[in-house]
Amino acid sequence: MVRDDLSDRLIHLTRGAGTDETKHREEALVNLVEILKSNALKGGNGYIKGGYRCVCFSEAPVSKLPTIMANAPAHKFKYQPYGVMVTKRWFYEKGGRPVIYGSADEFDRLPEDMKHRHVQLYFGKPHDVDFTWEREWRLKADQFPLDAEKVTVILPDRSARDVFVSQFQDRWHYLVLSDLGVPINPL
């Protein structure tokens, strides 16, 4: 049985900073170009307890990206329609694993080699802490090398694809969200 909420792919979307939506989109585009030029994703430690540097992906299917991008601002994230996609199998073979959602005190009970995977999940006062919507996978790393044969670049529309093809030639595989019927808000 096939379900539309499952995928054998993982997606890393880029984002921008600040509050201006146009600037967010431009910064996300610049971030993706830098990722592709360096052939690597840089690890970060934002929102990761213990300060571990990790490369993060979401296992949300491509068809669910509009929901993630629409809901992300409510969670103070500004994901944009630019990113990279890899297979779960490949990321798993490189050491990536799904995060472990649990209470704050469960972090201390995890073995050291698993603590970087902990994401707090809490229901109560003063407010819930629930990031399960991200369906996150992590790899503890300062950077994650990208293999052009294993990576698909995610772009919002054909005009963006044309720009990337002219800059990177046929080095990368591309997935154009608008070709799949994924609605992208114009800026």
C-alpha atoms as a PDB file:
ATOM      1  CA  MET A   1       0.000   0.000   0.000  1.00  0.00           C
ATOM      2  CA  VAL A   2       1.352   3.398  -0.991  1.00  0.00           C
ATOM      3  CA  ARG A   3       0.742   6.345   1.308  1.00  0.00           C
ATOM      4  CA  ASP A   4       1.167   9.967   0.284  1.00  0.00           C
ATOM      5  CA  ASP A   5       2.653  10.885   3.669  1.00  0.00           C
ATOM      6  CA  LEU A   6       5.671   8.565   3.273  1.00  0.00           C
ATOM      7  CA  SER A   7       8.745   8.955   1.113  1.00  0.00           C
ATOM      8  CA  ASP A   8      11.999   7.155   0.438  1.00  0.00           C
ATOM      9  CA  ARG A   9      13.631  10.602   0.041  1.00  0.00           C
ATOM     10  CA  LEU A  10      14.945  13.216   2.426  1.00  0.00           C
ATOM     11  CA  ILE A  11      14.848  16.935   1.737  1.00  0.00           C
ATOM     12  CA  HIS A  12      17.026  19.775   2.990  1.00  0.00           C
ATOM     13  CA  LEU A  13      15.392  23.145   2.238  1.00  0.00           C
ATOM     14  CA  THR A  14      17.354  26.364   2.439  1.00  0.00           C
ATOM     15  CA  ARG A  15      16.100  29.479   4.153  1.00  0.00           C
ATOM     16  CA  GLY A  16      16.868  33.124   4.764  1.00  0.00           C
ATOM     17  CA  ALA A  17      16.930  35.409   7.772  1.00  0.00           C
ATOM     18  CA  GLY A  18      14.970  38.463   8.854  1.00  0.00           C
ATOM     19  CA  THR A  19      11.336  39.299   8.266  1.00  0.00           C
ATOM     20  CA  ASP A  20      11.192  40.404   4.609  1.00  0.00           C
ATOM     21  CA  GLU A  21       9.781  37.544   2.497  1.00  0.00           C
ATOM     22  CA  THR A  22      11.529  38.670  -0.711  1.00  0.00           C
ATOM     23  CA  LYS A  23      14.850  38.878   1.098  1.00  0.00           C
ATOM     24  CA  HIS A  24      14.229  35.413   2.564  1.00  0.00           C
ATOM     25  CA  ARG A  25      13.761  33.953  -0.903  1.00  0.00           C
ATOM     26  CA  GLU A  26      16.895  35.684  -2.233  1.00  0.00           C
ATOM     27  CA  GLU A  27      19.008  34.526   0.731  1.00  0.00           C
ATOM     28  CA  ALA A  28      17.712  30.968   0.361  1.00  0.00           C
ATOM     29  CA  LEU A  29      18.717  31.033  -3.306  1.00  0.00           C
ATOM     30  CA  VAL A  30      22.206  32.327  -2.437  1.00  0.00           C
ATOM     31  CA  ASN A  31      22.515  29.596   0.213  1.00  0.00           C
ATOM     32  CA  LEU A  32      21.653  26.894  -2.311  1.00  0.00           C
ATOM     33  CA  VAL A  33      24.178  28.235  -4.824  1.00  0.00           C
ATOM     34  CA  GLU A  34      26.870  28.155  -2.119  1.00  0.00           C
ATOM     35  CA  ILE A  35      25.937  24.586  -1.194  1.00  0.00           C
ATOM     36  CA  LEU A  36      26.262  23.464  -4.804  1.00  0.00           C
ATOM     37  CA  LYS A  37      29.519  25.370  -5.394  1.00  0.00           C
ATOM     38  CA  SER A  38      31.087  23.810  -2.289  1.00  0.00           C
ATOM     39  CA  ASN A  39      29.565  20.365  -2.985  1.00  0.00           C
ATOM     40  CA  ALA A  40      28.625  20.124   0.691  1.00  0.00           C
ATOM     41  CA  LEU A  41      26.017  20.942   3.307  1.00  0.00           C
ATOM     42  CA  LYS A  42      27.459  22.632   6.384  1.00  0.00           C
ATOM     43  CA  GLY A  43      26.485  21.297   9.775  1.00  0.00           C
ATOM     44  CA  GLY A  44      24.769  23.675  12.167  1.00  0.00           C
ATOM     45  CA  ASN A  45      23.929  23.636  15.858  1.00  0.00           C
ATOM     46  CA  GLY A  46      20.820  25.817  15.986  1.00  0.00           C
ATOM     47  CA  TYR A  47      18.078  24.260  18.113  1.00  0.00           C
ATOM     48  CA  ILE A  48      20.293  21.216  18.796  1.00  0.00           C
ATOM     49  CA  LYS A  49      20.674  20.511  22.506  1.00  0.00           C
ATOM     50  CA  GLY A  50      24.275  19.969  23.511  1.00  0.00           C
ATOM     51  CA  GLY A  51      25.626  22.191  20.737  1.00  0.00           C
ATOM     52  CA  TYR A  52      26.303  19.268  18.391  1.00  0.00           C
ATOM     53  CA  ARG A  53      26.864  20.256  14.772  1.00  0.00           C
ATOM     54  CA  CYS A  54      24.528  18.336  12.499  1.00  0.00           C
ATOM     55  CA  VAL A  55      23.314  18.235   8.922  1.00  0.00           C
ATOM     56  CA  CYS A  56      19.523  17.983   8.945  1.00  0.00           C
ATOM     57  CA  PHE A  57      16.914  16.733   6.487  1.00  0.00           C
ATOM     58  CA  SER A  58      13.159  16.203   6.545  1.00  0.00           C
ATOM     59  CA  GLU A  59      11.492  12.999   5.419  1.00  0.00           C
ATOM     60  CA  ALA A  60       8.364  14.884   4.372  1.00  0.00           C
ATOM     61  CA  PRO A  61       7.354  13.969   0.813  1.00  0.00           C
ATOM     62  CA  VAL A  62       7.706  16.570  -1.950  1.00  0.00           C
ATOM     63  CA  SER A  63       3.912  16.759  -2.149  1.00  0.00           C
ATOM     64  CA  LYS A  64       3.854  18.049   1.446  1.00  0.00           C
ATOM     65  CA  LEU A  65       6.360  20.879   0.885  1.00  0.00           C
ATOM     66  CA  PRO A  66       3.641  23.548   0.486  1.00  0.00           C
ATOM     67  CA  THR A  67       2.346  22.640   3.960  1.00  0.00           C
ATOM     68  CA  ILE A  68       5.840  22.776   5.468  1.00  0.00           C
ATOM     69  CA  MET A  69       6.616  26.119   3.823  1.00  0.00           C
ATOM     70  CA  ALA A  70       3.232  27.544   4.839  1.00  0.00           C
ATOM     71  CA  ASN A  71       3.473  26.394   8.465  1.00  0.00           C
ATOM     72  CA  ALA A  72       7.161  27.061   8.970  1.00  0.00           C
ATOM     73  CA  PRO A  73       6.793  30.842   9.538  1.00  0.00           C
ATOM     74  CA  ALA A  74       4.471  30.107  12.446  1.00  0.00           C
ATOM     75  CA  HIS A  75       7.402  28.199  13.950  1.00  0.00           C
ATOM     76  CA  LYS A  76       9.840  31.050  13.100  1.00  0.00           C
ATOM     77  CA  PHE A  77      11.449  29.084  10.283  1.00  0.00           C
ATOM     78  CA  LYS A  78      11.544  30.522   6.805  1.00  0.00           C
ATOM     79  CA  TYR A  79      12.018  27.541   4.526  1.00  0.00           C
ATOM     80  CA  GLN A  80      11.964  28.418   0.853  1.00  0.00           C
ATOM     81  CA  PRO A  81      11.445  26.345  -2.324  1.00  0.00           C
ATOM     82  CA  TYR A  82      15.171  25.711  -2.795  1.00  0.00           C
ATOM     83  CA  GLY A  83      17.059  22.706  -1.535  1.00  0.00           C
ATOM     84  CA  VAL A  84      18.538  19.296  -2.125  1.00  0.00           C
ATOM     85  CA  MET A  85      17.013  15.841  -1.975  1.00  0.00           C
ATOM     86  CA  VAL A  86      18.717  12.481  -1.350  1.00  0.00           C
ATOM     87  CA  THR A  87      17.490   8.947  -0.752  1.00  0.00           C
ATOM     88  CA  LYS A  88      16.986   7.803   2.816  1.00  0.00           C
ATOM     89  CA  ARG A  89      19.120   4.766   2.054  1.00  0.00           C
ATOM     90  CA  TRP A  90      22.101   6.874   0.946  1.00  0.00           C
ATOM     91  CA  PHE A  91      21.870   9.218   3.942  1.00  0.00           C
ATOM     92  CA  TYR A  92      21.492   6.209   6.245  1.00  0.00           C
ATOM     93  CA  GLU A  93      24.566   4.584   4.701  1.00  0.00           C
ATOM     94  CA  LYS A  94      26.476   7.810   5.479  1.00  0.00           C
ATOM     95  CA  GLY A  95      25.376   7.620   9.136  1.00  0.00           C
ATOM     96  CA  GLY A  96      22.201   9.732   9.090  1.00  0.00           C
ATOM     97  CA  ARG A  97      19.321   8.633  11.324  1.00  0.00           C
ATOM     98  CA  PRO A  98      15.846   9.848  12.316  1.00  0.00           C
ATOM     99  CA  VAL A  99      15.806  12.090  15.353  1.00  0.00           C
ATOM    100  CA  ILE A 100      14.571  10.817  18.705  1.00  0.00           C
ATOM    101  CA  TYR A 101      11.652  12.843  20.058  1.00  0.00           C
ATOM    102  CA  GLY A 102      11.494  12.844  23.833  1.00  0.00           C
ATOM    103  CA  SER A 103      11.296  14.825  27.046  1.00  0.00           C
ATOM    104  CA  ALA A 104      14.163  17.024  28.206  1.00  0.00           C
ATOM    105  CA  ASP A 105      15.216  14.534  30.900  1.00  0.00           C
ATOM    106  CA  GLU A 106      15.420  11.716  28.347  1.00  0.00           C
ATOM    107  CA  PHE A 107      18.319  13.557  26.692  1.00  0.00           C
ATOM    108  CA  ASP A 108      20.514  12.790  29.716  1.00  0.00           C
ATOM    109  CA  ARG A 109      19.660   9.081  29.539  1.00  0.00           C
ATOM    110  CA  LEU A 110      20.728   8.712  25.921  1.00  0.00           C
ATOM    111  CA  PRO A 111      24.175   7.293  25.141  1.00  0.00           C
ATOM    112  CA  GLU A 112      26.633  10.011  24.103  1.00  0.00           C
ATOM    113  CA  ASP A 113      26.712   8.809  20.492  1.00  0.00           C
ATOM    114  CA  MET A 114      22.933   9.323  20.212  1.00  0.00           C
ATOM    115  CA  LYS A 115      22.448  12.633  22.043  1.00  0.00           C
ATOM    116  CA  HIS A 116      22.805  14.690  18.858  1.00  0.00           C
ATOM    117  CA  ARG A 117      19.593  13.019  17.621  1.00  0.00           C
ATOM    118  CA  HIS A 118      17.429  14.190  20.553  1.00  0.00           C
ATOM    119  CA  VAL A 119      14.656  16.709  19.873  1.00  0.00           C
ATOM    120  CA  GLN A 120      12.543  17.840  22.795  1.00  0.00           C
ATOM    121  CA  LEU A 121       8.874  16.910  22.734  1.00  0.00           C
ATOM    122  CA  TYR A 122       6.720  18.333  25.507  1.00  0.00           C
ATOM    123  CA  PHE A 123       2.989  18.826  26.012  1.00  0.00           C
ATOM    124  CA  GLY A 124       2.041  21.078  28.909  1.00  0.00           C
ATOM    125  CA  LYS A 125       2.327  24.527  30.431  1.00  0.00           C
ATOM    126  CA  PRO A 126       3.425  27.163  29.634  1.00  0.00           C
ATOM    127  CA  HIS A 127       3.317  25.871  26.017  1.00  0.00           C
ATOM    128  CA  ASP A 128       3.801  22.741  23.986  1.00  0.00           C
ATOM    129  CA  VAL A 129       7.131  22.004  22.304  1.00  0.00           C
ATOM    130  CA  ASP A 130       6.392  19.865  19.254  1.00  0.00           C
ATOM    131  CA  PHE A 131       8.619  19.747  16.184  1.00  0.00           C
ATOM    132  CA  THR A 132       7.436  16.348  14.993  1.00  0.00           C
ATOM    133  CA  TRP A 133       6.008  18.076  11.906  1.00  0.00           C
ATOM    134  CA  GLU A 134       9.595  18.395  10.642  1.00  0.00           C
ATOM    135  CA  ARG A 135      10.061  14.602  10.475  1.00  0.00           C
ATOM    136  CA  GLU A 136      13.747  15.266  10.919  1.00  0.00           C
ATOM    137  CA  TRP A 137      16.798  13.124  10.189  1.00  0.00           C
ATOM    138  CA  ARG A 138      20.281  14.128  11.363  1.00  0.00           C
ATOM    139  CA  LEU A 139      23.911  13.330  10.807  1.00  0.00           C
ATOM    140  CA  LYS A 140      26.460  14.627  13.296  1.00  0.00           C
ATOM    141  CA  ALA A 141      28.982  16.362  11.046  1.00  0.00           C
ATOM    142  CA  ASP A 142      30.647  19.691  10.390  1.00  0.00           C
ATOM    143  CA  GLN A 143      29.817  19.147   6.738  1.00  0.00           C
ATOM    144  CA  PHE A 144      28.213  16.557   4.505  1.00  0.00           C
ATOM    145  CA  PRO A 145      29.790  16.083   1.044  1.00  0.00           C
ATOM    146  CA  LEU A 146      27.298  15.964  -1.800  1.00  0.00           C
ATOM    147  CA  ASP A 147      27.654  13.484  -4.645  1.00  0.00           C
ATOM    148  CA  ALA A 148      26.082  14.898  -7.811  1.00  0.00           C
ATOM    149  CA  GLU A 149      25.017  11.384  -8.803  1.00  0.00           C
ATOM    150  CA  LYS A 150      23.053  10.994  -5.535  1.00  0.00           C
ATOM    151  CA  VAL A 151      21.587  14.483  -5.144  1.00  0.00           C
ATOM    152  CA  THR A 152      18.569  16.135  -6.762  1.00  0.00           C
ATOM    153  CA  VAL A 153      18.381  19.923  -6.602  1.00  0.00           C
ATOM    154  CA  ILE A 154      14.939  21.313  -5.719  1.00  0.00           C
ATOM    155  CA  LEU A 155      13.900  24.527  -7.465  1.00  0.00           C
ATOM    156  CA  PRO A 156      10.597  26.439  -7.512  1.00  0.00           C
ATOM    157  CA  ASP A 157      10.103  26.837 -11.267  1.00  0.00           C
ATOM    158  CA  ARG A 158      11.607  26.376 -14.728  1.00  0.00           C
ATOM    159  CA  SER A 159      13.148  29.832 -14.846  1.00  0.00           C
ATOM    160  CA  ALA A 160      15.185  28.981 -11.733  1.00  0.00           C
ATOM    161  CA  ARG A 161      16.139  25.650 -13.307  1.00  0.00           C
ATOM    162  CA  ASP A 162      17.305  27.410 -16.471  1.00  0.00           C
ATOM    163  CA  VAL A 163      19.556  29.701 -14.415  1.00  0.00           C
ATOM    164  CA  PHE A 164      21.024  26.755 -12.505  1.00  0.00           C
ATOM    165  CA  VAL A 165      21.605  24.721 -15.663  1.00  0.00           C
ATOM    166  CA  SER A 166      23.424  27.680 -17.249  1.00  0.00           C
ATOM    167  CA  GLN A 167      25.608  28.028 -14.133  1.00  0.00           C
ATOM    168  CA  PHE A 168      26.231  24.363 -13.312  1.00  0.00           C
ATOM    169  CA  GLN A 169      25.594  22.747 -16.744  1.00  0.00           C
ATOM    170  CA  ASP A 170      24.385  19.169 -16.353  1.00  0.00           C
ATOM    171  CA  ARG A 171      26.267  18.500 -13.113  1.00  0.00           C
ATOM    172  CA  TRP A 172      23.099  18.138 -10.986  1.00  0.00           C
ATOM    173  CA  HIS A 173      19.705  16.493 -11.372  1.00  0.00           C
ATOM    174  CA  TYR A 174      16.824  18.960 -10.937  1.00  0.00           C
ATOM    175  CA  LEU A 175      13.291  18.706  -9.608  1.00  0.00           C
ATOM    176  CA  VAL A 176      11.038  21.646 -10.498  1.00  0.00           C
ATOM    177  CA  LEU A 177       8.250  22.035  -7.945  1.00  0.00           C
ATOM    178  CA  SER A 178       5.869  23.909 -10.260  1.00  0.00           C
ATOM    179  CA  ASP A 179       6.133  21.051 -12.807  1.00  0.00           C
ATOM    180  CA  LEU A 180       4.798  18.730 -10.105  1.00  0.00           C
ATOM    181  CA  GLY A 181       1.859  21.009  -9.393  1.00  0.00           C
ATOM    182  CA  VAL A 182       3.367  22.237  -6.107  1.00  0.00           C
ATOM    183  CA  PRO A 183       2.054  25.783  -5.683  1.00  0.00           C
ATOM    184  CA  ILE A 184       4.805  28.327  -5.050  1.00  0.00           C
ATOM    185  CA  ASN A 185       3.824  31.810  -3.923  1.00  0.00           C
ATOM    186  CA  PRO A 186       5.310  34.440  -6.249  1.00  0.00           C
ATOM    187  CA  LEU A 187       7.107  37.326  -4.625  1.00  0.00           C
END
